Amino acid sequence: METQTPIRTRISRWIIPNNIYFIVGVTQKRQQLFADSAAIELLRTTMHNVKERHPFKMHAYAFLPDHFHLLIFVPETSNISKIMQSLQWNFTMAYKKLHQITTTTALWQRGFWDHVIRDERDYENHFHYIHFNPVKHGYVTRAVDYPHTSFHEYVKQGVYDPDWGQVEPDEIRKLDFE
């Protein structure tokens, strides 16, 4: 009897306590779920609720119409798999309730992509990548013009000049996570 190879093998994750992770979550079939500002607000609310159950510290984020990027510190009391499972499941349940959907609904691609930040340079590259992402995808021509990222918080803190992100920085050109 022939044995079938699983369609998708189980993803092994590096769970490293007290570390920073870069995470990409993608909607099912790249549906433009977050083109709706109410869905983005629901995602923000869900993240805050998940953070209480599975602690993490947000360093940077970008919410685009069909995916999001996070740069988060995950303490030893939690792990990224629990955070993402809770985030996606709770968002789906809240979304279905909000839109009165009673059927089975898949809002997310299976799994998520993660990367353990290795050093300061790696951190900076991913930090900039997140904030440049709306420009990269053509939603805006300047990072400051896209409202759903942490870029604005870092402009207020003086980390970024408001004019940053009109041209893709050389150090992030080689990074591609979509």
N, C-alpha and C. Protein backbone atom coordinates (compact mmCIF):
# COMPACT_ATOMS: atom_id res chain seq x y z
N MET A 1 0.84 -1.17 0.00
CA MET A 1 0.00 0.00 0.00
C MET A 1 0.89 1.25 0.00
N GLU A 2 0.54 2.19 -0.85
CA GLU A 2 1.30 3.43 -0.94
C GLU A 2 0.92 4.39 0.18
N THR A 3 1.92 5.04 0.76
CA THR A 3 1.62 6.06 1.76
C THR A 3 1.67 7.42 1.09
N GLN A 4 0.72 8.24 1.44
CA GLN A 4 0.67 9.57 0.86
C GLN A 4 1.51 10.54 1.69
N THR A 5 2.17 11.44 1.01
CA THR A 5 2.88 12.52 1.67
C THR A 5 1.86 13.57 2.06
N PRO A 6 1.93 14.05 3.30
CA PRO A 6 0.96 15.08 3.70
C PRO A 6 1.06 16.31 2.80
N ILE A 7 -0.08 16.93 2.57
CA ILE A 7 -0.11 18.13 1.74
C ILE A 7 0.78 19.20 2.34
N ARG A 8 0.72 19.34 3.62
CA ARG A 8 1.56 20.33 4.29
C ARG A 8 2.08 19.69 5.57
N THR A 9 3.38 19.66 5.69
CA THR A 9 3.95 19.09 6.89
C THR A 9 3.88 20.10 8.01
N ARG A 10 3.96 19.62 9.21
CA ARG A 10 3.90 20.49 10.38
C ARG A 10 5.11 21.42 10.38
N ILE A 11 4.87 22.68 10.63
CA ILE A 11 5.93 23.67 10.67
C ILE A 11 6.63 23.59 12.02
N SER A 12 7.95 23.49 11.97
CA SER A 12 8.73 23.54 13.21
C SER A 12 9.11 24.99 13.45
N ARG A 13 8.88 25.46 14.64
CA ARG A 13 9.19 26.85 14.97
C ARG A 13 10.30 26.89 16.00
N TRP A 14 11.12 27.87 15.87
CA TRP A 14 12.13 28.12 16.88
C TRP A 14 11.47 28.96 17.96
N ILE A 15 11.23 28.37 19.09
CA ILE A 15 10.64 29.10 20.22
C ILE A 15 11.79 29.48 21.13
N ILE A 16 12.13 30.74 21.12
CA ILE A 16 13.23 31.24 21.92
C ILE A 16 12.66 32.25 22.91
N PRO A 17 12.62 31.89 24.19
CA PRO A 17 12.04 32.79 25.19
C PRO A 17 12.77 34.14 25.24
N ASN A 18 12.00 35.16 25.59
CA ASN A 18 12.56 36.51 25.74
C ASN A 18 13.28 36.99 24.49
N ASN A 19 12.59 36.90 23.37
CA ASN A 19 13.19 37.32 22.12
C ASN A 19 12.19 38.12 21.31
N ILE A 20 12.70 38.80 20.28
CA ILE A 20 11.86 39.59 19.38
C ILE A 20 11.66 38.80 18.10
N TYR A 21 10.40 38.80 17.64
CA TYR A 21 10.02 38.08 16.43
C TYR A 21 9.41 39.04 15.41
N PHE A 22 9.72 38.77 14.16
CA PHE A 22 9.04 39.40 13.03
C PHE A 22 8.01 38.39 12.56
N ILE A 23 6.76 38.81 12.41
CA ILE A 23 5.68 37.90 12.06
C ILE A 23 4.87 38.48 10.89
N VAL A 24 4.47 37.59 9.99
CA VAL A 24 3.59 37.96 8.89
C VAL A 24 2.35 37.08 8.96
N GLY A 25 1.18 37.70 9.01
CA GLY A 25 -0.09 36.98 8.94
C GLY A 25 -0.80 37.39 7.66
N VAL A 26 -1.32 36.41 6.92
CA VAL A 26 -1.92 36.68 5.61
C VAL A 26 -3.35 36.18 5.58
N THR A 27 -4.23 36.94 4.97
CA THR A 27 -5.63 36.55 4.86
C THR A 27 -5.79 35.42 3.84
N GLN A 28 -6.86 34.66 4.01
CA GLN A 28 -7.18 33.55 3.11
C GLN A 28 -7.36 34.07 1.69
N LYS A 29 -6.63 33.48 0.76
CA LYS A 29 -6.70 33.84 -0.67
C LYS A 29 -6.44 35.33 -0.90
N ARG A 30 -5.69 35.91 0.01
CA ARG A 30 -5.33 37.34 -0.08
C ARG A 30 -6.55 38.25 -0.19
N GLN A 31 -7.65 37.85 0.44
CA GLN A 31 -8.83 38.72 0.42
C GLN A 31 -8.50 40.04 1.10
N GLN A 32 -9.09 41.11 0.63
CA GLN A 32 -8.80 42.47 1.10
C GLN A 32 -9.59 42.77 2.38
N LEU A 33 -9.45 41.91 3.35
CA LEU A 33 -10.19 41.99 4.61
C LEU A 33 -9.96 43.32 5.34
N PHE A 34 -8.71 43.78 5.36
CA PHE A 34 -8.38 44.98 6.12
C PHE A 34 -8.41 46.26 5.29
N ALA A 35 -9.07 46.20 4.15
CA ALA A 35 -9.35 47.43 3.41
C ALA A 35 -10.46 48.20 4.12
N ASP A 36 -11.16 47.51 4.99
CA ASP A 36 -12.25 48.07 5.78
C ASP A 36 -11.69 48.54 7.14
N SER A 37 -11.84 49.81 7.46
CA SER A 37 -11.27 50.34 8.71
C SER A 37 -11.90 49.69 9.95
N ALA A 38 -13.15 49.22 9.84
CA ALA A 38 -13.78 48.54 10.97
C ALA A 38 -13.07 47.21 11.26
N ALA A 39 -12.61 46.53 10.22
CA ALA A 39 -11.87 45.28 10.40
C ALA A 39 -10.50 45.55 11.04
N ILE A 40 -9.88 46.65 10.68
CA ILE A 40 -8.59 47.01 11.30
C ILE A 40 -8.81 47.32 12.78
N GLU A 41 -9.86 48.03 13.09
CA GLU A 41 -10.16 48.34 14.50
C GLU A 41 -10.45 47.06 15.28
N LEU A 42 -11.14 46.14 14.66
CA LEU A 42 -11.40 44.85 15.30
C LEU A 42 -10.09 44.08 15.52
N LEU A 43 -9.19 44.15 14.56
CA LEU A 43 -7.88 43.51 14.72
C LEU A 43 -7.10 44.14 15.87
N ARG A 44 -7.11 45.45 15.97
CA ARG A 44 -6.43 46.14 17.08
C ARG A 44 -7.02 45.71 18.43
N THR A 45 -8.34 45.70 18.52
CA THR A 45 -9.01 45.31 19.76
C THR A 45 -8.67 43.87 20.11
N THR A 46 -8.70 43.00 19.12
CA THR A 46 -8.38 41.59 19.35
C THR A 46 -6.94 41.45 19.84
N MET A 47 -6.01 42.20 19.25
CA MET A 47 -4.61 42.14 19.69
C MET A 47 -4.46 42.56 21.15
N HIS A 48 -5.16 43.61 21.53
CA HIS A 48 -5.09 44.05 22.94
C HIS A 48 -5.63 42.97 23.87
N ASN A 49 -6.71 42.31 23.48
CA ASN A 49 -7.28 41.24 24.30
C ASN A 49 -6.35 40.03 24.37
N VAL A 50 -5.75 39.68 23.26
CA VAL A 50 -4.81 38.55 23.23
C VAL A 50 -3.60 38.85 24.09
N LYS A 51 -3.15 40.08 24.04
CA LYS A 51 -1.97 40.50 24.82
C LYS A 51 -2.16 40.27 26.32
N GLU A 52 -3.38 40.38 26.79
CA GLU A 52 -3.66 40.14 28.21
C GLU A 52 -3.53 38.66 28.57
N ARG A 53 -3.90 37.79 27.64
CA ARG A 53 -3.81 36.34 27.89
C ARG A 53 -2.45 35.75 27.55
N HIS A 54 -1.85 36.29 26.51
CA HIS A 54 -0.55 35.80 26.01
C HIS A 54 0.34 37.03 25.84
N PRO A 55 1.02 37.44 26.90
CA PRO A 55 1.76 38.70 26.87
C PRO A 55 2.80 38.82 25.75
N PHE A 56 2.89 40.01 25.21
CA PHE A 56 3.93 40.38 24.26
C PHE A 56 4.04 41.89 24.27
N LYS A 57 5.15 42.39 23.75
CA LYS A 57 5.34 43.84 23.65
C LYS A 57 5.49 44.20 22.18
N MET A 58 4.62 45.08 21.72
CA MET A 58 4.65 45.51 20.32
C MET A 58 5.78 46.50 20.10
N HIS A 59 6.61 46.23 19.10
CA HIS A 59 7.67 47.16 18.70
C HIS A 59 7.29 47.90 17.42
N ALA A 60 6.65 47.20 16.49
CA ALA A 60 6.25 47.82 15.23
C ALA A 60 5.14 46.98 14.59
N TYR A 61 4.33 47.64 13.77
CA TYR A 61 3.26 46.94 13.06
C TYR A 61 2.90 47.67 11.78
N ALA A 62 2.32 46.91 10.86
CA ALA A 62 1.70 47.46 9.65
C ALA A 62 0.53 46.56 9.31
N PHE A 63 -0.65 47.15 9.16
CA PHE A 63 -1.85 46.42 8.78
C PHE A 63 -2.20 46.83 7.35
N LEU A 64 -2.00 45.93 6.42
CA LEU A 64 -2.31 46.18 5.02
C LEU A 64 -3.59 45.45 4.65
N PRO A 65 -4.19 45.73 3.49
CA PRO A 65 -5.49 45.13 3.18
C PRO A 65 -5.54 43.60 3.25
N ASP A 66 -4.46 42.92 2.89
CA ASP A 66 -4.52 41.45 2.86
C ASP A 66 -3.49 40.75 3.75
N HIS A 67 -2.75 41.50 4.54
CA HIS A 67 -1.79 40.89 5.45
C HIS A 67 -1.35 41.91 6.50
N PHE A 68 -0.64 41.42 7.51
CA PHE A 68 -0.07 42.33 8.49
C PHE A 68 1.33 41.87 8.87
N HIS A 69 2.10 42.82 9.35
CA HIS A 69 3.45 42.56 9.86
C HIS A 69 3.50 43.01 11.31
N LEU A 70 4.15 42.21 12.14
CA LEU A 70 4.37 42.57 13.53
C LEU A 70 5.84 42.39 13.88
N LEU A 71 6.34 43.22 14.74
CA LEU A 71 7.65 43.05 15.35
C LEU A 71 7.37 43.10 16.85
N ILE A 72 7.43 41.92 17.51
CA ILE A 72 7.02 41.84 18.91
C ILE A 72 8.06 41.13 19.76
N PHE A 73 8.15 41.57 21.00
CA PHE A 73 8.95 40.88 22.01
C PHE A 73 8.04 39.88 22.70
N VAL A 74 8.48 38.62 22.76
CA VAL A 74 7.68 37.56 23.39
C VAL A 74 8.44 37.06 24.63
N PRO A 75 7.87 37.29 25.82
CA PRO A 75 8.54 36.84 27.04
C PRO A 75 8.44 35.33 27.21
N GLU A 76 9.18 34.81 28.16
CA GLU A 76 9.19 33.36 28.38
C GLU A 76 7.84 32.81 28.85
N THR A 77 6.95 33.67 29.30
CA THR A 77 5.63 33.23 29.76
C THR A 77 4.66 32.98 28.60
N SER A 78 5.09 33.23 27.37
CA SER A 78 4.23 33.06 26.22
C SER A 78 5.04 32.49 25.06
N ASN A 79 4.39 32.31 23.91
CA ASN A 79 5.12 31.96 22.68
C ASN A 79 4.31 32.42 21.48
N ILE A 80 4.99 32.56 20.35
CA ILE A 80 4.34 33.13 19.17
C ILE A 80 3.20 32.27 18.64
N SER A 81 3.32 30.96 18.78
CA SER A 81 2.25 30.09 18.28
C SER A 81 0.96 30.34 19.05
N LYS A 82 1.05 30.45 20.37
CA LYS A 82 -0.15 30.73 21.17
C LYS A 82 -0.72 32.12 20.84
N ILE A 83 0.17 33.08 20.68
CA ILE A 83 -0.26 34.45 20.36
C ILE A 83 -1.01 34.46 19.03
N MET A 84 -0.42 33.87 18.00
CA MET A 84 -1.03 33.92 16.67
C MET A 84 -2.29 33.06 16.59
N GLN A 85 -2.29 31.91 17.21
CA GLN A 85 -3.49 31.08 17.22
C GLN A 85 -4.64 31.82 17.89
N SER A 86 -4.36 32.44 19.02
CA SER A 86 -5.38 33.19 19.74
C SER A 86 -5.84 34.40 18.93
N LEU A 87 -4.91 35.11 18.33
CA LEU A 87 -5.24 36.29 17.54
C LEU A 87 -6.14 35.92 16.36
N GLN A 88 -5.74 34.93 15.60
CA GLN A 88 -6.51 34.57 14.42
C GLN A 88 -7.87 33.98 14.79
N TRP A 89 -7.91 33.12 15.78
CA TRP A 89 -9.18 32.50 16.18
C TRP A 89 -10.14 33.54 16.74
N ASN A 90 -9.65 34.37 17.67
CA ASN A 90 -10.52 35.38 18.29
C ASN A 90 -10.97 36.45 17.29
N PHE A 91 -10.09 36.83 16.38
CA PHE A 91 -10.50 37.79 15.35
C PHE A 91 -11.60 37.18 14.48
N THR A 92 -11.41 35.93 14.08
CA THR A 92 -12.41 35.27 13.24
C THR A 92 -13.76 35.21 13.94
N MET A 93 -13.77 34.83 15.20
CA MET A 93 -15.03 34.74 15.95
C MET A 93 -15.70 36.11 16.07
N ALA A 94 -14.91 37.13 16.37
CA ALA A 94 -15.47 38.49 16.51
C ALA A 94 -15.97 39.01 15.16
N TYR A 95 -15.22 38.73 14.10
CA TYR A 95 -15.61 39.17 12.76
C TYR A 95 -16.93 38.51 12.35
N LYS A 96 -17.03 37.20 12.60
CA LYS A 96 -18.26 36.48 12.26
C LYS A 96 -19.45 37.03 13.04
N LYS A 97 -19.23 37.32 14.32
CA LYS A 97 -20.31 37.88 15.14
C LYS A 97 -20.73 39.26 14.62
N LEU A 98 -19.74 40.10 14.33
CA LEU A 98 -20.01 41.44 13.83
C LEU A 98 -20.81 41.42 12.53
N HIS A 99 -20.48 40.47 11.66
CA HIS A 99 -21.13 40.40 10.34
C HIS A 99 -22.24 39.34 10.28
N GLN A 100 -22.60 38.81 11.46
CA GLN A 100 -23.67 37.81 11.58
C GLN A 100 -23.47 36.63 10.62
N ILE A 101 -22.25 36.12 10.59
CA ILE A 101 -21.92 34.96 9.76
C ILE A 101 -22.05 33.72 10.63
N THR A 102 -22.84 32.77 10.18
CA THR A 102 -23.05 31.56 10.97
C THR A 102 -22.41 30.32 10.35
N THR A 103 -21.89 30.45 9.15
CA THR A 103 -21.26 29.32 8.48
C THR A 103 -19.77 29.28 8.79
N THR A 104 -19.14 28.16 8.47
CA THR A 104 -17.69 28.04 8.63
C THR A 104 -17.03 29.04 7.70
N THR A 105 -16.11 29.79 8.24
CA THR A 105 -15.46 30.85 7.47
C THR A 105 -13.96 30.82 7.72
N ALA A 106 -13.18 30.76 6.65
CA ALA A 106 -11.72 30.80 6.77
C ALA A 106 -11.26 32.20 6.38
N LEU A 107 -10.76 32.93 7.34
CA LEU A 107 -10.28 34.29 7.07
C LEU A 107 -8.77 34.35 6.90
N TRP A 108 -8.05 33.31 7.33
CA TRP A 108 -6.58 33.34 7.35
C TRP A 108 -5.99 32.20 6.54
N GLN A 109 -4.85 32.48 5.91
CA GLN A 109 -4.06 31.39 5.37
C GLN A 109 -3.60 30.54 6.54
N ARG A 110 -3.45 29.27 6.32
CA ARG A 110 -3.01 28.38 7.39
C ARG A 110 -1.60 28.78 7.83
N GLY A 111 -1.44 28.89 9.13
CA GLY A 111 -0.14 29.22 9.69
C GLY A 111 0.21 30.69 9.56
N PHE A 112 1.45 30.99 9.77
CA PHE A 112 1.97 32.35 9.66
C PHE A 112 3.48 32.22 9.48
N TRP A 113 4.10 33.30 9.06
CA TRP A 113 5.54 33.28 8.84
C TRP A 113 6.19 34.02 10.00
N ASP A 114 7.28 33.45 10.54
CA ASP A 114 7.97 34.12 11.63
C ASP A 114 9.48 34.07 11.42
N HIS A 115 10.15 35.00 12.05
CA HIS A 115 11.59 35.12 11.97
C HIS A 115 12.09 35.62 13.32
N VAL A 116 13.05 34.92 13.90
CA VAL A 116 13.65 35.35 15.16
C VAL A 116 14.68 36.44 14.85
N ILE A 117 14.55 37.57 15.51
CA ILE A 117 15.50 38.66 15.30
C ILE A 117 16.84 38.26 15.92
N ARG A 118 17.91 38.40 15.14
CA ARG A 118 19.21 37.89 15.55
C ARG A 118 20.13 38.92 16.20
N ASP A 119 20.02 40.17 15.75
CA ASP A 119 20.90 41.21 16.30
C ASP A 119 20.30 42.58 15.99
N GLU A 120 21.00 43.62 16.36
CA GLU A 120 20.50 44.99 16.19
C GLU A 120 20.27 45.34 14.72
N ARG A 121 21.17 44.93 13.87
CA ARG A 121 21.02 45.22 12.43
C ARG A 121 19.79 44.51 11.86
N ASP A 122 19.60 43.27 12.24
CA ASP A 122 18.44 42.50 11.81
C ASP A 122 17.15 43.18 12.30
N TYR A 123 17.18 43.64 13.54
CA TYR A 123 16.04 44.37 14.11
C TYR A 123 15.74 45.62 13.27
N GLU A 124 16.75 46.42 13.02
CA GLU A 124 16.55 47.66 12.26
C GLU A 124 16.02 47.39 10.86
N ASN A 125 16.56 46.37 10.19
CA ASN A 125 16.09 46.04 8.85
C ASN A 125 14.61 45.67 8.85
N HIS A 126 14.19 44.85 9.80
CA HIS A 126 12.79 44.44 9.85
C HIS A 126 11.88 45.59 10.30
N PHE A 127 12.38 46.41 11.20
CA PHE A 127 11.66 47.60 11.66
C PHE A 127 11.37 48.52 10.47
N HIS A 128 12.40 48.79 9.67
CA HIS A 128 12.22 49.65 8.49
C HIS A 128 11.35 48.97 7.44
N TYR A 129 11.53 47.67 7.26
CA TYR A 129 10.72 46.93 6.29
C TYR A 129 9.24 47.08 6.58
N ILE A 130 8.87 46.94 7.84
CA ILE A 130 7.47 47.06 8.24
C ILE A 130 6.93 48.44 7.87
N HIS A 131 7.68 49.47 8.17
CA HIS A 131 7.19 50.82 7.94
C HIS A 131 7.21 51.24 6.47
N PHE A 132 8.05 50.59 5.68
CA PHE A 132 8.10 50.89 4.25
C PHE A 132 7.08 50.06 3.46
N ASN A 133 6.54 49.02 4.05
CA ASN A 133 5.69 48.06 3.36
C ASN A 133 4.51 48.69 2.61
N PRO A 134 3.78 49.65 3.17
CA PRO A 134 2.68 50.26 2.40
C PRO A 134 3.15 50.97 1.13
N VAL A 135 4.36 51.53 1.17
CA VAL A 135 4.93 52.17 -0.02
C VAL A 135 5.32 51.09 -1.03
N LYS A 136 5.96 50.04 -0.55
CA LYS A 136 6.38 48.93 -1.40
C LYS A 136 5.21 48.36 -2.19
N HIS A 137 4.05 48.25 -1.55
CA HIS A 137 2.87 47.68 -2.21
C HIS A 137 2.07 48.71 -3.00
N GLY A 138 2.51 49.96 -3.00
CA GLY A 138 1.87 50.98 -3.82
C GLY A 138 0.61 51.59 -3.24
N TYR A 139 0.37 51.41 -1.94
CA TYR A 139 -0.81 52.01 -1.32
C TYR A 139 -0.63 53.51 -1.12
N VAL A 140 0.62 53.92 -0.94
CA VAL A 140 0.97 55.33 -0.78
C VAL A 140 2.35 55.56 -1.41
N THR A 141 2.73 56.81 -1.58
CA THR A 141 4.06 57.10 -2.10
C THR A 141 5.03 57.52 -0.99
N ARG A 142 4.46 57.79 0.20
CA ARG A 142 5.28 58.15 1.36
C ARG A 142 4.75 57.38 2.57
N ALA A 143 5.65 56.86 3.39
CA ALA A 143 5.25 56.07 4.56
C ALA A 143 4.32 56.87 5.48
N VAL A 144 4.53 58.15 5.59
CA VAL A 144 3.74 58.99 6.49
C VAL A 144 2.26 59.06 6.06
N ASP A 145 1.97 58.77 4.81
CA ASP A 145 0.60 58.87 4.32
C ASP A 145 -0.25 57.64 4.59
N TYR A 146 0.36 56.57 5.10
CA TYR A 146 -0.42 55.36 5.39
C TYR A 146 -0.76 55.33 6.87
N PRO A 147 -2.03 55.27 7.22
CA PRO A 147 -2.43 55.43 8.62
C PRO A 147 -2.28 54.21 9.53
N HIS A 148 -2.16 53.01 8.97
CA HIS A 148 -2.25 51.81 9.80
C HIS A 148 -0.90 51.15 10.07
N THR A 149 0.06 51.96 10.49
CA THR A 149 1.36 51.44 10.91
C THR A 149 1.80 52.20 12.17
N SER A 150 2.85 51.69 12.77
CA SER A 150 3.41 52.36 13.94
C SER A 150 4.36 53.49 13.53
N PHE A 151 4.52 53.72 12.25
CA PHE A 151 5.42 54.77 11.75
C PHE A 151 5.15 56.11 12.41
N HIS A 152 3.88 56.48 12.54
CA HIS A 152 3.51 57.79 13.09
C HIS A 152 3.97 57.96 14.54
N GLU A 153 3.90 56.88 15.30
CA GLU A 153 4.37 56.92 16.69
C GLU A 153 5.87 57.21 16.74
N TYR A 154 6.62 56.63 15.80
CA TYR A 154 8.06 56.83 15.78
C TYR A 154 8.46 58.18 15.21
N VAL A 155 7.61 58.77 14.38
CA VAL A 155 7.85 60.16 13.94
C VAL A 155 7.73 61.08 15.15
N LYS A 156 6.68 60.88 15.96
CA LYS A 156 6.49 61.69 17.17
C LYS A 156 7.65 61.57 18.13
N GLN A 157 8.25 60.38 18.20
CA GLN A 157 9.39 60.15 19.10
C GLN A 157 10.71 60.63 18.51
N GLY A 158 10.71 61.04 17.25
CA GLY A 158 11.93 61.52 16.61
C GLY A 158 12.80 60.41 16.01
N VAL A 159 12.29 59.20 15.97
CA VAL A 159 13.04 58.08 15.38
C VAL A 159 13.08 58.23 13.86
N TYR A 160 11.97 58.63 13.28
CA TYR A 160 11.86 58.84 11.84
C TYR A 160 11.58 60.31 11.55
N ASP A 161 12.11 60.78 10.45
CA ASP A 161 11.73 62.05 9.87
C ASP A 161 10.45 61.78 9.08
N PRO A 162 9.48 62.69 9.07
CA PRO A 162 8.24 62.44 8.33
C PRO A 162 8.46 62.15 6.84
N ASP A 163 9.57 62.61 6.28
CA ASP A 163 9.84 62.38 4.86
C ASP A 163 10.51 61.03 4.57
N TRP A 164 10.83 60.27 5.63
CA TRP A 164 11.46 58.96 5.42
C TRP A 164 10.49 58.06 4.66
N GLY A 165 11.03 57.16 3.86
CA GLY A 165 10.21 56.14 3.22
C GLY A 165 9.63 56.50 1.89
N GLN A 166 10.19 57.50 1.22
CA GLN A 166 9.75 57.80 -0.13
C GLN A 166 10.50 56.93 -1.14
N VAL A 167 11.69 56.50 -0.73
CA VAL A 167 12.53 55.62 -1.53
C VAL A 167 12.90 54.43 -0.65
N GLU A 168 12.87 53.24 -1.24
CA GLU A 168 13.18 52.04 -0.47
C GLU A 168 14.63 52.06 0.01
N PRO A 169 14.83 51.95 1.32
CA PRO A 169 16.20 51.92 1.85
C PRO A 169 16.95 50.68 1.33
N ASP A 170 18.22 50.87 0.98
CA ASP A 170 19.04 49.78 0.45
C ASP A 170 19.06 48.55 1.34
N GLU A 171 19.13 48.76 2.67
CA GLU A 171 19.27 47.65 3.60
C GLU A 171 18.05 46.73 3.66
N ILE A 172 16.90 47.20 3.18
CA ILE A 172 15.71 46.33 3.23
C ILE A 172 15.31 45.82 1.85
N ARG A 173 15.98 46.27 0.82
CA ARG A 173 15.62 45.87 -0.54
C ARG A 173 15.67 44.35 -0.72
N LYS A 174 16.59 43.70 -0.05
CA LYS A 174 16.76 42.25 -0.20
C LYS A 174 15.73 41.44 0.60
N LEU A 175 15.03 42.09 1.53
CA LEU A 175 14.05 41.39 2.36
C LEU A 175 12.73 41.27 1.62
N ASP A 176 12.13 40.07 1.63
CA ASP A 176 10.83 39.89 1.01
C ASP A 176 10.11 38.75 1.73
N PHE A 177 8.99 39.06 2.36
CA PHE A 177 8.29 38.10 3.20
C PHE A 177 6.87 37.83 2.76
N GLU A 178 6.44 38.38 1.67
CA GLU A 178 5.04 38.15 1.26
C GLU A 178 4.95 36.97 0.39
